[in-house]
Amino acid sequence: MNIVNKVTTEIINPIIEVLFVLAIAIFFWGIIEFIWNSGNEDKRTTGKQHIIWGLFGLFIMAAVAGIIEIIKAFVKF
């Protein structure tokens, strides 16, 4: 196994997976916060922000995973 695949498999992929889980948790927490606090506009705004940041995190992690796969395809030792 070459060094790029080993680093990706052992280090980078677990970090990306943890960050995916964190982004999903923030997204769902925002949904729950938005629904539970339907009468309080300030807390609904906070829920909306959590939803947006969760989606942003998911997008970034998907992009990073894609970029890593592209780099792995180009760099074959």
C-alpha atoms as a PDB file:
ATOM      1  CA  MET A   1       0.000   0.000   0.000  1.00  0.00           C
ATOM      2  CA  ASN A   2       1.489   3.346  -0.957  1.00  0.00           C
ATOM      3  CA  ILE A   3       1.885   6.252   1.419  1.00  0.00           C
ATOM      4  CA  VAL A   4      -0.946   8.363  -0.053  1.00  0.00           C
ATOM      5  CA  ASN A   5      -3.510   5.587   0.359  1.00  0.00           C
ATOM      6  CA  LYS A   6      -2.256   4.762   3.848  1.00  0.00           C
ATOM      7  CA  VAL A   7      -2.453   8.385   5.031  1.00  0.00           C
ATOM      8  CA  THR A   8      -5.881   8.777   3.468  1.00  0.00           C
ATOM      9  CA  THR A   9      -7.224   5.547   4.929  1.00  0.00           C
ATOM     10  CA  GLU A  10      -5.682   5.828   8.386  1.00  0.00           C
ATOM     11  CA  ILE A  11      -5.851   9.560   9.102  1.00  0.00           C
ATOM     12  CA  ILE A  12      -7.917  11.681   6.735  1.00  0.00           C
ATOM     13  CA  ASN A  13     -10.984   9.465   6.218  1.00  0.00           C
ATOM     14  CA  PRO A  14     -11.704   9.059   9.965  1.00  0.00           C
ATOM     15  CA  ILE A  15     -11.414  12.828  10.442  1.00  0.00           C
ATOM     16  CA  ILE A  16     -13.812  13.453   7.555  1.00  0.00           C
ATOM     17  CA  GLU A  17     -16.269  10.899   8.958  1.00  0.00           C
ATOM     18  CA  VAL A  18     -16.243  12.549  12.388  1.00  0.00           C
ATOM     19  CA  LEU A  19     -16.802  15.966  10.827  1.00  0.00           C
ATOM     20  CA  PHE A  20     -19.669  14.560   8.707  1.00  0.00           C
ATOM     21  CA  VAL A  21     -21.331  13.232  11.865  1.00  0.00           C
ATOM     22  CA  LEU A  22     -20.813  16.577  13.595  1.00  0.00           C
ATOM     23  CA  ALA A  23     -22.338  18.487  10.662  1.00  0.00           C
ATOM     24  CA  ILE A  24     -25.332  16.136  10.576  1.00  0.00           C
ATOM     25  CA  ALA A  25     -25.812  16.534  14.335  1.00  0.00           C
ATOM     26  CA  ILE A  26     -25.725  20.337  14.036  1.00  0.00           C
ATOM     27  CA  PHE A  27     -28.194  20.204  11.143  1.00  0.00           C
ATOM     28  CA  PHE A  28     -30.670  18.011  13.026  1.00  0.00           C
ATOM     29  CA  TRP A  29     -30.243  20.032  16.213  1.00  0.00           C
ATOM     30  CA  GLY A  30     -31.170  23.123  14.189  1.00  0.00           C
ATOM     31  CA  ILE A  31     -34.303  21.395  12.877  1.00  0.00           C
ATOM     32  CA  ILE A  32     -35.314  20.339  16.381  1.00  0.00           C
ATOM     33  CA  GLU A  33     -34.603  23.804  17.756  1.00  0.00           C
ATOM     34  CA  PHE A  34     -36.594  25.421  14.938  1.00  0.00           C
ATOM     35  CA  ILE A  35     -39.635  23.184  15.506  1.00  0.00           C
ATOM     36  CA  TRP A  36     -39.637  23.224  19.327  1.00  0.00           C
ATOM     37  CA  ASN A  37     -39.336  26.998  19.533  1.00  0.00           C
ATOM     38  CA  SER A  38     -41.921  27.893  16.930  1.00  0.00           C
ATOM     39  CA  GLY A  39     -43.296  30.648  19.175  1.00  0.00           C
ATOM     40  CA  ASN A  40     -39.964  32.337  19.909  1.00  0.00           C
ATOM     41  CA  GLU A  41     -38.511  34.164  16.915  1.00  0.00           C
ATOM     42  CA  ASP A  42     -35.016  34.530  18.429  1.00  0.00           C
ATOM     43  CA  LYS A  43     -34.650  30.795  19.030  1.00  0.00           C
ATOM     44  CA  ARG A  44     -36.097  30.043  15.594  1.00  0.00           C
ATOM     45  CA  THR A  45     -33.410  32.272  14.098  1.00  0.00           C
ATOM     46  CA  THR A  46     -30.791  30.336  16.054  1.00  0.00           C
ATOM     47  CA  GLY A  47     -32.288  27.096  14.717  1.00  0.00           C
ATOM     48  CA  LYS A  48     -32.115  28.434  11.168  1.00  0.00           C
ATOM     49  CA  GLN A  49     -28.459  29.336  11.670  1.00  0.00           C
ATOM     50  CA  HIS A  50     -27.702  25.825  12.921  1.00  0.00           C
ATOM     51  CA  ILE A  51     -29.454  24.344   9.890  1.00  0.00           C
ATOM     52  CA  ILE A  52     -27.464  26.567   7.525  1.00  0.00           C
ATOM     53  CA  TRP A  53     -24.128  25.842   9.236  1.00  0.00           C
ATOM     54  CA  GLY A  54     -24.896  22.119   9.281  1.00  0.00           C
ATOM     55  CA  LEU A  55     -25.600  22.138   5.549  1.00  0.00           C
ATOM     56  CA  PHE A  56     -22.488  24.230   4.953  1.00  0.00           C
ATOM     57  CA  GLY A  57     -20.414  21.711   6.903  1.00  0.00           C
ATOM     58  CA  LEU A  58     -21.890  18.808   4.933  1.00  0.00           C
ATOM     59  CA  PHE A  59     -21.094  20.565   1.669  1.00  0.00           C
ATOM     60  CA  ILE A  60     -17.519  21.304   2.717  1.00  0.00           C
ATOM     61  CA  MET A  61     -16.894  17.721   3.882  1.00  0.00           C
ATOM     62  CA  ALA A  62     -18.341  16.298   0.654  1.00  0.00           C
ATOM     63  CA  ALA A  63     -16.118  18.641  -1.353  1.00  0.00           C
ATOM     64  CA  VAL A  64     -13.049  17.675   0.675  1.00  0.00           C
ATOM     65  CA  ALA A  65     -13.800  13.970   0.231  1.00  0.00           C
ATOM     66  CA  GLY A  66     -14.186  14.500  -3.519  1.00  0.00           C
ATOM     67  CA  ILE A  67     -10.968  16.483  -3.785  1.00  0.00           C
ATOM     68  CA  ILE A  68      -9.090  13.788  -1.891  1.00  0.00           C
ATOM     69  CA  GLU A  69     -10.419  11.125  -4.264  1.00  0.00           C
ATOM     70  CA  ILE A  70      -9.339  13.223  -7.255  1.00  0.00           C
ATOM     71  CA  ILE A  71      -5.865  13.658  -5.774  1.00  0.00           C
ATOM     72  CA  LYS A  72      -5.639   9.921  -5.099  1.00  0.00           C
ATOM     73  CA  ALA A  73      -6.589   9.216  -8.719  1.00  0.00           C
ATOM     74  CA  PHE A  74      -3.870  11.529 -10.028  1.00  0.00           C
ATOM     75  CA  VAL A  75      -1.130  10.535  -7.574  1.00  0.00           C
ATOM     76  CA  LYS A  76      -0.373   6.874  -8.074  1.00  0.00           C
ATOM     77  CA  PHE A  77       2.976   5.767  -6.739  1.00  0.00           C
END
